[in-house]
Amino acid sequence: MFLAKSATLVWLAVIVFLTLLYAFELVQRAVVLIADGSPLALAMGLAIIVLPPFAVAFVLIEIRFGLNAAKLQRLVDEAGLAFDYELRPSGRAVRESAQVGFERFKLLVEENEENHLYWFLLADAYDKMGDRPRARKTARKAFLLAKQAGAL
């Protein structure tokens, strides 16, 4: 478990470093273009200078999402609520197993709509079924409920 966390932290550090390097390089190019003085270079420089804040913001949003997910996963593990999905050799869940987990957690969420752990497990089930957009939306709902409950 420690090795997986170390590898994750290394990749996270690499991604953050590359994003900051990208942002720095773009700002430098934008300043050079703006200093050129020609209308076209000025327009390009102003257009380019807008990109770095977005890149940094997106990385920070994803890091926060990952930290929240990790914290809720720890809470799920501590509560003993995790579902043991049948996995393929690739690590992906078998469709039937994912469907069973989905039905289980959908029912639990319907019975207790304020339980952030059930919402998080439903998000995981959506992800196991391959519905990433719905999984992320459901995870955000779990994060909101967890914050309201004081768990995040």
C-alpha atoms as a PDB file:
ATOM      1  CA  MET A   1       0.000   0.000   0.000  1.00  0.00           C
ATOM      2  CA  PHE A   2       2.828   2.424   0.853  1.00  0.00           C
ATOM      3  CA  LEU A   3       4.490   1.852  -2.523  1.00  0.00           C
ATOM      4  CA  ALA A   4       1.281   2.642  -4.359  1.00  0.00           C
ATOM      5  CA  LYS A   5       0.906   5.860  -2.388  1.00  0.00           C
ATOM      6  CA  SER A   6       4.559   6.771  -3.039  1.00  0.00           C
ATOM      7  CA  ALA A   7       4.154   6.157  -6.763  1.00  0.00           C
ATOM      8  CA  THR A   8       0.989   8.252  -6.789  1.00  0.00           C
ATOM      9  CA  LEU A   9       2.733  11.094  -4.996  1.00  0.00           C
ATOM     10  CA  VAL A  10       5.646  10.962  -7.429  1.00  0.00           C
ATOM     11  CA  TRP A  11       3.294  11.138 -10.419  1.00  0.00           C
ATOM     12  CA  LEU A  12       1.368  13.946  -8.755  1.00  0.00           C
ATOM     13  CA  ALA A  13       4.591  15.886  -8.208  1.00  0.00           C
ATOM     14  CA  VAL A  14       5.634  15.323 -11.835  1.00  0.00           C
ATOM     15  CA  ILE A  15       2.269  16.516 -13.158  1.00  0.00           C
ATOM     16  CA  VAL A  16       2.251  19.600 -10.931  1.00  0.00           C
ATOM     17  CA  PHE A  17       5.842  20.404 -11.922  1.00  0.00           C
ATOM     18  CA  LEU A  18       5.099  20.029 -15.641  1.00  0.00           C
ATOM     19  CA  THR A  19       1.964  22.156 -15.342  1.00  0.00           C
ATOM     20  CA  LEU A  20       3.849  24.913 -13.546  1.00  0.00           C
ATOM     21  CA  LEU A  21       6.675  24.711 -16.110  1.00  0.00           C
ATOM     22  CA  TYR A  22       4.082  24.946 -18.907  1.00  0.00           C
ATOM     23  CA  ALA A  23       2.428  27.930 -17.230  1.00  0.00           C
ATOM     24  CA  PHE A  24       5.777  29.681 -16.709  1.00  0.00           C
ATOM     25  CA  GLU A  25       6.828  29.116 -20.325  1.00  0.00           C
ATOM     26  CA  LEU A  26       3.501  30.394 -21.649  1.00  0.00           C
ATOM     27  CA  VAL A  27       3.693  33.530 -19.531  1.00  0.00           C
ATOM     28  CA  GLN A  28       7.227  34.150 -20.795  1.00  0.00           C
ATOM     29  CA  ARG A  29       6.109  33.787 -24.424  1.00  0.00           C
ATOM     30  CA  ALA A  30       3.133  36.042 -23.801  1.00  0.00           C
ATOM     31  CA  VAL A  31       5.336  38.760 -22.284  1.00  0.00           C
ATOM     32  CA  VAL A  32       7.694  38.603 -25.277  1.00  0.00           C
ATOM     33  CA  LEU A  33       4.767  38.903 -27.687  1.00  0.00           C
ATOM     34  CA  ILE A  34       3.172  41.763 -25.749  1.00  0.00           C
ATOM     35  CA  ALA A  35       6.514  43.612 -25.608  1.00  0.00           C
ATOM     36  CA  ASP A  36       6.876  43.309 -29.401  1.00  0.00           C
ATOM     37  CA  GLY A  37       4.333  46.073 -29.858  1.00  0.00           C
ATOM     38  CA  SER A  38       2.744  44.995 -33.134  1.00  0.00           C
ATOM     39  CA  PRO A  39      -1.047  44.593 -32.970  1.00  0.00           C
ATOM     40  CA  LEU A  40      -0.949  40.933 -34.005  1.00  0.00           C
ATOM     41  CA  ALA A  41       1.763  40.035 -31.463  1.00  0.00           C
ATOM     42  CA  LEU A  42      -0.098  41.978 -28.776  1.00  0.00           C
ATOM     43  CA  ALA A  43      -3.334  40.122 -29.527  1.00  0.00           C
ATOM     44  CA  MET A  44      -1.538  36.755 -29.487  1.00  0.00           C
ATOM     45  CA  GLY A  45       0.281  37.625 -26.248  1.00  0.00           C
ATOM     46  CA  LEU A  46      -2.949  38.596 -24.515  1.00  0.00           C
ATOM     47  CA  ALA A  47      -4.651  35.433 -25.754  1.00  0.00           C
ATOM     48  CA  ILE A  48      -1.768  33.252 -24.556  1.00  0.00           C
ATOM     49  CA  ILE A  49      -1.534  34.863 -21.117  1.00  0.00           C
ATOM     50  CA  VAL A  50      -5.075  33.670 -20.342  1.00  0.00           C
ATOM     51  CA  LEU A  51      -4.142  29.956 -20.582  1.00  0.00           C
ATOM     52  CA  PRO A  52      -1.774  29.422 -17.610  1.00  0.00           C
ATOM     53  CA  PRO A  53      -4.273  30.318 -14.852  1.00  0.00           C
ATOM     54  CA  PHE A  54      -6.741  27.841 -16.347  1.00  0.00           C
ATOM     55  CA  ALA A  55      -4.139  25.071 -16.488  1.00  0.00           C
ATOM     56  CA  VAL A  56      -3.130  25.625 -12.867  1.00  0.00           C
ATOM     57  CA  ALA A  57      -6.766  25.863 -11.749  1.00  0.00           C
ATOM     58  CA  PHE A  58      -7.693  22.600 -13.484  1.00  0.00           C
ATOM     59  CA  VAL A  59      -4.783  20.769 -11.874  1.00  0.00           C
ATOM     60  CA  LEU A  60      -5.700  22.129  -8.440  1.00  0.00           C
ATOM     61  CA  ILE A  61      -9.349  21.115  -8.921  1.00  0.00           C
ATOM     62  CA  GLU A  62      -8.296  17.577  -9.848  1.00  0.00           C
ATOM     63  CA  ILE A  63      -5.923  17.341  -6.892  1.00  0.00           C
ATOM     64  CA  ARG A  64      -8.696  18.433  -4.530  1.00  0.00           C
ATOM     65  CA  PHE A  65     -11.041  15.875  -6.111  1.00  0.00           C
ATOM     66  CA  GLY A  66      -8.447  13.128  -5.625  1.00  0.00           C
ATOM     67  CA  LEU A  67      -7.746  14.091  -2.006  1.00  0.00           C
ATOM     68  CA  ASN A  68     -11.461  14.121  -1.193  1.00  0.00           C
ATOM     69  CA  ALA A  69     -11.940  10.753  -2.883  1.00  0.00           C
ATOM     70  CA  ALA A  70      -9.003   9.262  -0.977  1.00  0.00           C
ATOM     71  CA  LYS A  71     -10.386  10.500   2.333  1.00  0.00           C
ATOM     72  CA  LEU A  72     -13.844   9.087   1.633  1.00  0.00           C
ATOM     73  CA  GLN A  73     -12.298   5.798   0.504  1.00  0.00           C
ATOM     74  CA  ARG A  74     -10.483   5.573   3.844  1.00  0.00           C
ATOM     75  CA  LEU A  75     -13.778   6.190   5.645  1.00  0.00           C
ATOM     76  CA  VAL A  76     -15.473   3.497   3.540  1.00  0.00           C
ATOM     77  CA  ASP A  77     -12.674   1.050   4.364  1.00  0.00           C
ATOM     78  CA  GLU A  78     -12.858   1.886   8.080  1.00  0.00           C
ATOM     79  CA  ALA A  79     -16.629   1.386   8.056  1.00  0.00           C
ATOM     80  CA  GLY A  80     -16.274  -1.965   6.276  1.00  0.00           C
ATOM     81  CA  LEU A  81     -18.680  -0.944   3.513  1.00  0.00           C
ATOM     82  CA  ALA A  82     -16.477  -1.686   0.505  1.00  0.00           C
ATOM     83  CA  PHE A  83     -17.921  -3.979  -2.167  1.00  0.00           C
ATOM     84  CA  ASP A  84     -15.709  -6.757  -3.492  1.00  0.00           C
ATOM     85  CA  TYR A  85     -16.083  -6.485  -7.269  1.00  0.00           C
ATOM     86  CA  GLU A  86     -15.113  -9.406  -9.480  1.00  0.00           C
ATOM     87  CA  LEU A  87     -12.216  -8.124 -11.562  1.00  0.00           C
ATOM     88  CA  ARG A  88     -10.822  -9.010 -14.963  1.00  0.00           C
ATOM     89  CA  PRO A  89      -7.079  -9.582 -15.364  1.00  0.00           C
ATOM     90  CA  SER A  90      -6.867  -5.965 -16.584  1.00  0.00           C
ATOM     91  CA  GLY A  91      -8.209  -4.757 -13.229  1.00  0.00           C
ATOM     92  CA  ARG A  92     -11.552  -3.586 -14.594  1.00  0.00           C
ATOM     93  CA  ALA A  93     -14.712  -4.884 -12.989  1.00  0.00           C
ATOM     94  CA  VAL A  94     -16.747  -7.591 -14.671  1.00  0.00           C
ATOM     95  CA  ARG A  95     -19.960  -5.973 -15.982  1.00  0.00           C
ATOM     96  CA  GLU A  96     -22.300  -8.273 -14.019  1.00  0.00           C
ATOM     97  CA  SER A  97     -20.371  -7.665 -10.806  1.00  0.00           C
ATOM     98  CA  ALA A  98     -20.476  -3.912 -11.397  1.00  0.00           C
ATOM     99  CA  GLN A  99     -24.222  -4.114 -11.998  1.00  0.00           C
ATOM    100  CA  VAL A 100     -24.743  -5.953  -8.681  1.00  0.00           C
ATOM    101  CA  GLY A 101     -22.700  -3.311  -6.839  1.00  0.00           C
ATOM    102  CA  PHE A 102     -24.575  -0.531  -8.593  1.00  0.00           C
ATOM    103  CA  GLU A 103     -27.992  -1.933  -7.663  1.00  0.00           C
ATOM    104  CA  ARG A 104     -26.889  -2.432  -4.055  1.00  0.00           C
ATOM    105  CA  PHE A 105     -25.608   1.107  -3.591  1.00  0.00           C
ATOM    106  CA  LYS A 106     -28.446   2.698  -5.545  1.00  0.00           C
ATOM    107  CA  LEU A 107     -30.884   1.066  -3.133  1.00  0.00           C
ATOM    108  CA  LEU A 108     -28.835   2.183  -0.106  1.00  0.00           C
ATOM    109  CA  VAL A 109     -28.739   5.771  -1.407  1.00  0.00           C
ATOM    110  CA  GLU A 110     -32.499   5.738  -1.992  1.00  0.00           C
ATOM    111  CA  GLU A 111     -33.022   4.526   1.582  1.00  0.00           C
ATOM    112  CA  ASN A 112     -30.618   7.056   3.112  1.00  0.00           C
ATOM    113  CA  GLU A 113     -30.053  10.035   0.819  1.00  0.00           C
ATOM    114  CA  GLU A 114     -27.914  11.908   3.360  1.00  0.00           C
ATOM    115  CA  ASN A 115     -25.225   9.235   3.764  1.00  0.00           C
ATOM    116  CA  HIS A 116     -22.095  10.490   2.030  1.00  0.00           C
ATOM    117  CA  LEU A 117     -20.446   7.076   2.133  1.00  0.00           C
ATOM    118  CA  TYR A 118     -23.320   5.461   0.225  1.00  0.00           C
ATOM    119  CA  TRP A 119     -23.141   8.232  -2.373  1.00  0.00           C
ATOM    120  CA  PHE A 120     -19.405   7.669  -2.696  1.00  0.00           C
ATOM    121  CA  LEU A 121     -19.908   3.935  -3.145  1.00  0.00           C
ATOM    122  CA  LEU A 122     -22.577   4.648  -5.777  1.00  0.00           C
ATOM    123  CA  ALA A 123     -20.044   6.869  -7.570  1.00  0.00           C
ATOM    124  CA  ASP A 124     -17.551   4.006  -7.467  1.00  0.00           C
ATOM    125  CA  ALA A 125     -20.194   1.669  -8.893  1.00  0.00           C
ATOM    126  CA  TYR A 126     -20.892   4.102 -11.746  1.00  0.00           C
ATOM    127  CA  ASP A 127     -17.163   4.191 -12.427  1.00  0.00           C
ATOM    128  CA  LYS A 128     -16.938   0.391 -12.402  1.00  0.00           C
ATOM    129  CA  MET A 129     -19.778   0.312 -14.948  1.00  0.00           C
ATOM    130  CA  GLY A 130     -17.828   2.681 -17.193  1.00  0.00           C
ATOM    131  CA  ASP A 131     -19.995   5.781 -16.690  1.00  0.00           C
ATOM    132  CA  ARG A 132     -17.242   8.203 -15.670  1.00  0.00           C
ATOM    133  CA  PRO A 133     -19.243  11.470 -16.046  1.00  0.00           C
ATOM    134  CA  ARG A 134     -22.032  10.209 -13.794  1.00  0.00           C
ATOM    135  CA  ALA A 135     -19.443   8.767 -11.378  1.00  0.00           C
ATOM    136  CA  ARG A 136     -17.762  12.157 -11.008  1.00  0.00           C
ATOM    137  CA  LYS A 137     -21.075  13.961 -10.572  1.00  0.00           C
ATOM    138  CA  THR A 138     -22.126  11.464  -7.901  1.00  0.00           C
ATOM    139  CA  ALA A 139     -18.736  11.737  -6.181  1.00  0.00           C
ATOM    140  CA  ARG A 140     -19.153  15.515  -6.013  1.00  0.00           C
ATOM    141  CA  LYS A 141     -22.533  14.969  -4.331  1.00  0.00           C
ATOM    142  CA  ALA A 142     -20.785  12.648  -1.837  1.00  0.00           C
ATOM    143  CA  PHE A 143     -18.141  15.326  -1.163  1.00  0.00           C
ATOM    144  CA  LEU A 144     -20.828  17.954  -0.541  1.00  0.00           C
ATOM    145  CA  LEU A 145     -22.697  15.693   1.877  1.00  0.00           C
ATOM    146  CA  ALA A 146     -19.429  14.752   3.606  1.00  0.00           C
ATOM    147  CA  LYS A 147     -18.562  18.422   4.079  1.00  0.00           C
ATOM    148  CA  GLN A 148     -22.017  19.086   5.506  1.00  0.00           C
ATOM    149  CA  ALA A 149     -21.543  16.146   7.877  1.00  0.00           C
ATOM    150  CA  GLY A 150     -18.080  17.394   8.899  1.00  0.00           C
ATOM    151  CA  ALA A 151     -16.293  14.354   7.415  1.00  0.00           C
ATOM    152  CA  LEU A 152     -14.243  16.423   4.944  1.00  0.00           C
END
